[in-house]
Amino acid sequence: MSQDYPFCTFLVDDDPFCLQLIHYHLKNIGLKDIYLFDNGKDCINSLVLQPDLILLDHYMKPMNGFDVLAEIKKNSPDSFVVFISGQEEIHIPIIAMENGAFDYLVKNDLTEDKLELIVEKIQTIRRLPH
């Protein structure tokens, strides 16, 4: 994956194992500017960094993914938000997408491949003239 411009990524997950595993996947596909957060509040407080991509878990405390998404859309509307969660309930991705998420990934064996495709799409969109 070629990256000819800065690409800032936030990863937000309260599960330390998942946080590290997804971080490894992101580094493996060539991303470098990655910030890790174990809660939504810290993510929101860091939006001044203007992330291109925010990978967001749904079930977190004290703020769940929908609450965090709402704050991201208010404070960093150009950031692409992708939910990445272990939840396979059909209503969660629908609500996420209706509220501005770019995509929704279920954590499984295909996560790394799907994540790479999503990152490539976002990088392509970012390269388009505005």
N, C-alpha and C. Protein backbone atom coordinates (compact mmCIF):
# COMPACT_ATOMS: atom_id res chain seq x y z
N MET A 1 0.85 -1.16 0.00
CA MET A 1 0.00 0.00 0.00
C MET A 1 0.90 1.23 0.00
N SER A 2 0.75 2.05 -1.02
CA SER A 2 1.59 3.23 -1.08
C SER A 2 0.96 4.37 -0.28
N GLN A 3 1.79 5.11 0.36
CA GLN A 3 1.31 6.21 1.18
C GLN A 3 2.22 7.40 0.91
N ASP A 4 1.75 8.33 0.06
CA ASP A 4 2.60 9.45 -0.31
C ASP A 4 2.20 10.75 0.39
N TYR A 5 1.45 10.65 1.46
CA TYR A 5 1.06 11.81 2.25
C TYR A 5 0.77 11.32 3.67
N PRO A 6 0.78 12.21 4.65
CA PRO A 6 0.50 11.78 6.03
C PRO A 6 -0.92 11.21 6.14
N PHE A 7 -1.06 10.14 6.85
CA PHE A 7 -2.37 9.50 7.04
C PHE A 7 -2.47 9.13 8.51
N CYS A 8 -3.26 9.89 9.24
CA CYS A 8 -3.39 9.72 10.68
C CYS A 8 -4.56 8.79 11.01
N THR A 9 -4.28 7.81 11.84
CA THR A 9 -5.30 6.82 12.21
C THR A 9 -5.44 6.76 13.72
N PHE A 10 -6.69 6.75 14.18
CA PHE A 10 -7.00 6.52 15.59
C PHE A 10 -7.60 5.12 15.70
N LEU A 11 -7.21 4.43 16.73
CA LEU A 11 -7.76 3.11 17.03
C LEU A 11 -8.31 3.17 18.45
N VAL A 12 -9.62 2.91 18.59
CA VAL A 12 -10.30 3.06 19.88
C VAL A 12 -10.96 1.75 20.25
N ASP A 13 -10.44 1.09 21.29
CA ASP A 13 -10.99 -0.20 21.74
C ASP A 13 -10.61 -0.39 23.20
N ASP A 14 -11.58 -0.76 24.03
CA ASP A 14 -11.28 -0.93 25.45
C ASP A 14 -10.72 -2.30 25.79
N ASP A 15 -10.63 -3.19 24.81
CA ASP A 15 -10.04 -4.51 25.01
C ASP A 15 -8.56 -4.44 24.62
N PRO A 16 -7.64 -4.56 25.59
CA PRO A 16 -6.22 -4.39 25.29
C PRO A 16 -5.70 -5.38 24.25
N PHE A 17 -6.21 -6.61 24.25
CA PHE A 17 -5.76 -7.61 23.27
C PHE A 17 -6.18 -7.18 21.87
N CYS A 18 -7.44 -6.80 21.70
CA CYS A 18 -7.92 -6.35 20.39
C CYS A 18 -7.20 -5.10 19.93
N LEU A 19 -6.97 -4.18 20.85
CA LEU A 19 -6.26 -2.95 20.54
C LEU A 19 -4.88 -3.26 19.95
N GLN A 20 -4.15 -4.14 20.58
CA GLN A 20 -2.82 -4.48 20.10
C GLN A 20 -2.85 -5.29 18.81
N LEU A 21 -3.82 -6.19 18.68
CA LEU A 21 -3.93 -7.01 17.48
C LEU A 21 -4.25 -6.14 16.26
N ILE A 22 -5.20 -5.24 16.39
CA ILE A 22 -5.56 -4.36 15.27
C ILE A 22 -4.43 -3.40 14.97
N HIS A 23 -3.76 -2.92 16.01
CA HIS A 23 -2.59 -2.06 15.81
C HIS A 23 -1.54 -2.80 14.98
N TYR A 24 -1.30 -4.05 15.29
CA TYR A 24 -0.36 -4.87 14.53
C TYR A 24 -0.80 -4.96 13.07
N HIS A 25 -2.10 -5.21 12.83
CA HIS A 25 -2.63 -5.28 11.46
C HIS A 25 -2.38 -3.98 10.72
N LEU A 26 -2.65 -2.86 11.38
CA LEU A 26 -2.47 -1.56 10.74
C LEU A 26 -1.00 -1.31 10.36
N LYS A 27 -0.10 -1.65 11.27
CA LYS A 27 1.32 -1.50 10.96
C LYS A 27 1.72 -2.44 9.83
N ASN A 28 1.14 -3.63 9.82
CA ASN A 28 1.43 -4.63 8.81
C ASN A 28 1.02 -4.19 7.40
N ILE A 29 0.00 -3.34 7.31
CA ILE A 29 -0.42 -2.86 5.99
C ILE A 29 0.22 -1.51 5.64
N GLY A 30 1.15 -1.08 6.46
CA GLY A 30 1.96 0.08 6.12
C GLY A 30 1.60 1.39 6.78
N LEU A 31 0.63 1.40 7.68
CA LEU A 31 0.30 2.65 8.36
C LEU A 31 1.31 2.92 9.47
N LYS A 32 1.62 4.20 9.65
CA LYS A 32 2.64 4.56 10.64
C LYS A 32 2.11 5.50 11.72
N ASP A 33 1.31 6.47 11.35
CA ASP A 33 0.83 7.51 12.27
C ASP A 33 -0.45 7.01 12.95
N ILE A 34 -0.27 6.13 13.96
CA ILE A 34 -1.40 5.45 14.60
C ILE A 34 -1.42 5.83 16.08
N TYR A 35 -2.59 6.25 16.55
CA TYR A 35 -2.78 6.60 17.96
C TYR A 35 -3.76 5.60 18.56
N LEU A 36 -3.41 5.07 19.73
CA LEU A 36 -4.24 4.07 20.40
C LEU A 36 -4.96 4.70 21.59
N PHE A 37 -6.25 4.37 21.72
CA PHE A 37 -7.07 4.87 22.83
C PHE A 37 -7.88 3.71 23.39
N ASP A 38 -7.93 3.62 24.72
CA ASP A 38 -8.73 2.56 25.33
C ASP A 38 -10.11 3.05 25.78
N ASN A 39 -10.45 4.29 25.37
CA ASN A 39 -11.78 4.84 25.67
C ASN A 39 -12.11 5.96 24.70
N GLY A 40 -13.40 6.22 24.56
CA GLY A 40 -13.85 7.23 23.61
C GLY A 40 -13.51 8.65 24.01
N LYS A 41 -13.49 8.93 25.30
CA LYS A 41 -13.22 10.29 25.79
C LYS A 41 -11.84 10.77 25.34
N ASP A 42 -10.82 9.91 25.49
CA ASP A 42 -9.47 10.30 25.07
C ASP A 42 -9.40 10.51 23.56
N CYS A 43 -10.12 9.69 22.82
CA CYS A 43 -10.19 9.88 21.36
C CYS A 43 -10.76 11.25 21.03
N ILE A 44 -11.89 11.57 21.63
CA ILE A 44 -12.55 12.86 21.38
C ILE A 44 -11.63 14.02 21.74
N ASN A 45 -10.93 13.91 22.85
CA ASN A 45 -10.02 14.97 23.29
C ASN A 45 -8.81 15.14 22.37
N SER A 46 -8.57 14.15 21.49
CA SER A 46 -7.41 14.20 20.59
C SER A 46 -7.79 14.53 19.15
N LEU A 47 -9.05 14.86 18.91
CA LEU A 47 -9.50 15.14 17.55
C LEU A 47 -8.80 16.34 16.91
N VAL A 48 -8.12 17.15 17.72
CA VAL A 48 -7.35 18.27 17.16
C VAL A 48 -6.25 17.78 16.21
N LEU A 49 -5.89 16.51 16.31
CA LEU A 49 -4.89 15.92 15.41
C LEU A 49 -5.46 15.64 14.02
N GLN A 50 -6.77 15.83 13.85
CA GLN A 50 -7.47 15.66 12.58
C GLN A 50 -7.18 14.31 11.93
N PRO A 51 -7.62 13.23 12.57
CA PRO A 51 -7.36 11.90 12.00
C PRO A 51 -8.11 11.69 10.68
N ASP A 52 -7.47 10.98 9.78
CA ASP A 52 -8.13 10.60 8.53
C ASP A 52 -9.11 9.47 8.78
N LEU A 53 -8.70 8.53 9.62
CA LEU A 53 -9.47 7.33 9.89
C LEU A 53 -9.56 7.08 11.38
N ILE A 54 -10.77 6.76 11.84
CA ILE A 54 -10.96 6.37 13.24
C ILE A 54 -11.62 5.01 13.24
N LEU A 55 -10.91 4.02 13.78
CA LEU A 55 -11.46 2.68 13.95
C LEU A 55 -12.02 2.62 15.36
N LEU A 56 -13.30 2.30 15.47
CA LEU A 56 -14.02 2.50 16.71
C LEU A 56 -14.77 1.24 17.12
N ASP A 57 -14.52 0.77 18.33
CA ASP A 57 -15.29 -0.34 18.90
C ASP A 57 -16.65 0.19 19.32
N HIS A 58 -17.64 -0.69 19.37
CA HIS A 58 -18.98 -0.25 19.76
C HIS A 58 -19.20 -0.32 21.27
N TYR A 59 -18.99 -1.49 21.86
CA TYR A 59 -19.28 -1.67 23.29
C TYR A 59 -18.09 -1.27 24.13
N MET A 60 -18.13 -0.02 24.61
CA MET A 60 -17.10 0.50 25.50
C MET A 60 -17.79 1.28 26.61
N LYS A 61 -17.05 1.52 27.69
CA LYS A 61 -17.56 2.34 28.78
C LYS A 61 -16.55 3.43 29.07
N PRO A 62 -16.90 4.57 29.52
CA PRO A 62 -18.25 5.00 29.87
C PRO A 62 -19.07 5.44 28.66
N MET A 63 -18.43 5.69 27.52
CA MET A 63 -19.14 6.10 26.30
C MET A 63 -19.13 4.94 25.32
N ASN A 64 -20.30 4.62 24.74
CA ASN A 64 -20.30 3.58 23.72
C ASN A 64 -19.94 4.19 22.36
N GLY A 65 -19.78 3.34 21.38
CA GLY A 65 -19.35 3.79 20.06
C GLY A 65 -20.27 4.81 19.41
N PHE A 66 -21.59 4.68 19.62
CA PHE A 66 -22.52 5.64 19.04
C PHE A 66 -22.33 7.03 19.64
N ASP A 67 -22.10 7.09 20.94
CA ASP A 67 -21.85 8.38 21.61
C ASP A 67 -20.57 9.02 21.07
N VAL A 68 -19.54 8.20 20.92
CA VAL A 68 -18.26 8.70 20.42
C VAL A 68 -18.42 9.16 18.97
N LEU A 69 -19.14 8.38 18.16
CA LEU A 69 -19.38 8.75 16.76
C LEU A 69 -20.06 10.12 16.67
N ALA A 70 -21.05 10.36 17.49
CA ALA A 70 -21.76 11.64 17.47
C ALA A 70 -20.79 12.81 17.74
N GLU A 71 -19.90 12.64 18.71
CA GLU A 71 -18.92 13.68 19.03
C GLU A 71 -17.91 13.86 17.89
N ILE A 72 -17.50 12.76 17.28
CA ILE A 72 -16.56 12.85 16.17
C ILE A 72 -17.19 13.62 15.02
N LYS A 73 -18.44 13.31 14.70
CA LYS A 73 -19.11 13.98 13.58
C LYS A 73 -19.28 15.48 13.85
N LYS A 74 -19.44 15.86 15.11
CA LYS A 74 -19.54 17.28 15.47
C LYS A 74 -18.20 17.99 15.37
N ASN A 75 -17.15 17.33 15.84
CA ASN A 75 -15.85 17.98 16.00
C ASN A 75 -14.82 17.67 14.93
N SER A 76 -15.03 16.62 14.16
CA SER A 76 -14.09 16.23 13.12
C SER A 76 -14.85 15.57 11.97
N PRO A 77 -15.74 16.34 11.33
CA PRO A 77 -16.65 15.75 10.34
C PRO A 77 -15.95 15.13 9.12
N ASP A 78 -14.71 15.50 8.85
CA ASP A 78 -14.00 14.94 7.70
C ASP A 78 -13.30 13.62 8.00
N SER A 79 -13.29 13.21 9.27
CA SER A 79 -12.69 11.92 9.63
C SER A 79 -13.61 10.79 9.19
N PHE A 80 -13.01 9.76 8.63
CA PHE A 80 -13.76 8.56 8.28
C PHE A 80 -13.81 7.66 9.50
N VAL A 81 -15.01 7.27 9.90
CA VAL A 81 -15.17 6.41 11.07
C VAL A 81 -15.60 5.02 10.60
N VAL A 82 -14.85 4.03 11.03
CA VAL A 82 -15.18 2.64 10.73
C VAL A 82 -15.34 1.91 12.05
N PHE A 83 -16.53 1.37 12.27
CA PHE A 83 -16.74 0.54 13.45
C PHE A 83 -16.07 -0.78 13.22
N ILE A 84 -15.39 -1.27 14.22
CA ILE A 84 -14.78 -2.58 14.17
C ILE A 84 -15.10 -3.25 15.50
N SER A 85 -16.00 -4.21 15.44
CA SER A 85 -16.59 -4.74 16.66
C SER A 85 -16.82 -6.24 16.54
N GLY A 86 -16.94 -6.87 17.68
CA GLY A 86 -17.25 -8.30 17.72
C GLY A 86 -18.74 -8.56 17.61
N GLN A 87 -19.53 -7.50 17.58
CA GLN A 87 -20.99 -7.64 17.54
C GLN A 87 -21.47 -7.89 16.12
N GLU A 88 -22.27 -8.93 15.96
CA GLU A 88 -22.80 -9.26 14.64
C GLU A 88 -24.29 -8.95 14.53
N GLU A 89 -24.85 -8.29 15.54
CA GLU A 89 -26.26 -7.93 15.49
C GLU A 89 -26.49 -6.95 14.34
N ILE A 90 -27.47 -7.22 13.50
CA ILE A 90 -27.67 -6.46 12.27
C ILE A 90 -28.05 -5.00 12.51
N HIS A 91 -28.71 -4.70 13.61
CA HIS A 91 -29.14 -3.32 13.83
C HIS A 91 -27.98 -2.38 14.17
N ILE A 92 -26.90 -2.89 14.74
CA ILE A 92 -25.77 -2.04 15.13
C ILE A 92 -25.08 -1.42 13.90
N PRO A 93 -24.73 -2.22 12.88
CA PRO A 93 -24.12 -1.59 11.69
C PRO A 93 -25.07 -0.62 10.99
N ILE A 94 -26.36 -0.93 10.97
CA ILE A 94 -27.33 -0.05 10.32
C ILE A 94 -27.37 1.30 11.03
N ILE A 95 -27.46 1.27 12.35
CA ILE A 95 -27.49 2.53 13.12
C ILE A 95 -26.17 3.29 12.93
N ALA A 96 -25.06 2.58 12.95
CA ALA A 96 -23.75 3.23 12.77
C ALA A 96 -23.69 3.94 11.42
N MET A 97 -24.11 3.28 10.37
CA MET A 97 -24.04 3.87 9.03
C MET A 97 -25.03 5.03 8.90
N GLU A 98 -26.19 4.90 9.48
CA GLU A 98 -27.17 5.99 9.44
C GLU A 98 -26.67 7.24 10.15
N ASN A 99 -25.78 7.04 11.10
CA ASN A 99 -25.25 8.17 11.88
C ASN A 99 -23.88 8.65 11.41
N GLY A 100 -23.47 8.21 10.23
CA GLY A 100 -22.27 8.77 9.64
C GLY A 100 -21.04 7.90 9.58
N ALA A 101 -21.12 6.65 10.03
CA ALA A 101 -19.96 5.77 9.91
C ALA A 101 -19.73 5.43 8.44
N PHE A 102 -18.49 5.29 8.06
CA PHE A 102 -18.12 4.96 6.69
C PHE A 102 -18.33 3.48 6.41
N ASP A 103 -18.05 2.66 7.41
CA ASP A 103 -18.18 1.20 7.24
C ASP A 103 -18.26 0.54 8.61
N TYR A 104 -18.50 -0.76 8.59
CA TYR A 104 -18.61 -1.55 9.82
C TYR A 104 -17.96 -2.90 9.56
N LEU A 105 -16.99 -3.25 10.38
CA LEU A 105 -16.32 -4.54 10.28
C LEU A 105 -16.59 -5.38 11.51
N VAL A 106 -16.85 -6.65 11.30
CA VAL A 106 -16.96 -7.59 12.41
C VAL A 106 -15.58 -8.22 12.61
N LYS A 107 -15.13 -8.24 13.85
CA LYS A 107 -13.82 -8.83 14.16
C LYS A 107 -13.90 -10.33 13.90
N ASN A 108 -13.06 -10.80 12.94
CA ASN A 108 -12.98 -12.22 12.64
C ASN A 108 -11.69 -12.49 11.87
N ASP A 109 -11.59 -13.67 11.29
CA ASP A 109 -10.36 -14.05 10.58
C ASP A 109 -10.09 -13.21 9.33
N LEU A 110 -11.10 -12.54 8.80
CA LEU A 110 -10.95 -11.75 7.59
C LEU A 110 -10.73 -10.26 7.87
N THR A 111 -10.65 -9.90 9.12
CA THR A 111 -10.56 -8.49 9.50
C THR A 111 -9.38 -7.79 8.84
N GLU A 112 -8.22 -8.41 8.85
CA GLU A 112 -7.03 -7.75 8.30
C GLU A 112 -7.21 -7.44 6.82
N ASP A 113 -7.71 -8.40 6.04
CA ASP A 113 -7.90 -8.17 4.60
C ASP A 113 -8.94 -7.09 4.34
N LYS A 114 -10.05 -7.14 5.07
CA LYS A 114 -11.10 -6.14 4.89
C LYS A 114 -10.61 -4.76 5.31
N LEU A 115 -9.85 -4.72 6.38
CA LEU A 115 -9.30 -3.46 6.87
C LEU A 115 -8.39 -2.83 5.82
N GLU A 116 -7.56 -3.64 5.20
CA GLU A 116 -6.67 -3.12 4.16
C GLU A 116 -7.46 -2.52 3.00
N LEU A 117 -8.53 -3.17 2.58
CA LEU A 117 -9.37 -2.64 1.49
C LEU A 117 -10.01 -1.31 1.87
N ILE A 118 -10.50 -1.23 3.09
CA ILE A 118 -11.13 0.01 3.56
C ILE A 118 -10.10 1.14 3.61
N VAL A 119 -8.92 0.87 4.13
CA VAL A 119 -7.87 1.89 4.21
C VAL A 119 -7.50 2.37 2.80
N GLU A 120 -7.39 1.44 1.86
CA GLU A 120 -7.08 1.82 0.48
C GLU A 120 -8.17 2.72 -0.10
N LYS A 121 -9.44 2.40 0.16
CA LYS A 121 -10.55 3.24 -0.33
C LYS A 121 -10.45 4.65 0.24
N ILE A 122 -10.21 4.74 1.53
CA ILE A 122 -10.13 6.06 2.18
C ILE A 122 -8.93 6.84 1.66
N GLN A 123 -7.80 6.18 1.48
CA GLN A 123 -6.63 6.87 0.94
C GLN A 123 -6.90 7.37 -0.48
N THR A 124 -7.62 6.60 -1.27
CA THR A 124 -7.97 7.02 -2.63
C THR A 124 -8.88 8.25 -2.57
N ILE A 125 -9.87 8.23 -1.70
CA ILE A 125 -10.78 9.39 -1.54
C ILE A 125 -9.99 10.61 -1.11
N ARG A 126 -9.06 10.45 -0.17
CA ARG A 126 -8.27 11.58 0.33
C ARG A 126 -7.41 12.20 -0.76
N ARG A 127 -6.97 11.39 -1.73
CA ARG A 127 -6.12 11.89 -2.82
C ARG A 127 -6.90 12.69 -3.86
N LEU A 128 -8.23 12.51 -3.91
CA LEU A 128 -9.04 13.20 -4.91
C LEU A 128 -9.00 14.70 -4.66
N PRO A 129 -8.99 15.48 -5.75
CA PRO A 129 -9.00 16.93 -5.57
C PRO A 129 -10.30 17.37 -4.90
N HIS A 130 -10.20 18.34 -4.02
CA HIS A 130 -11.39 18.82 -3.29
C HIS A 130 -12.03 19.97 -4.00
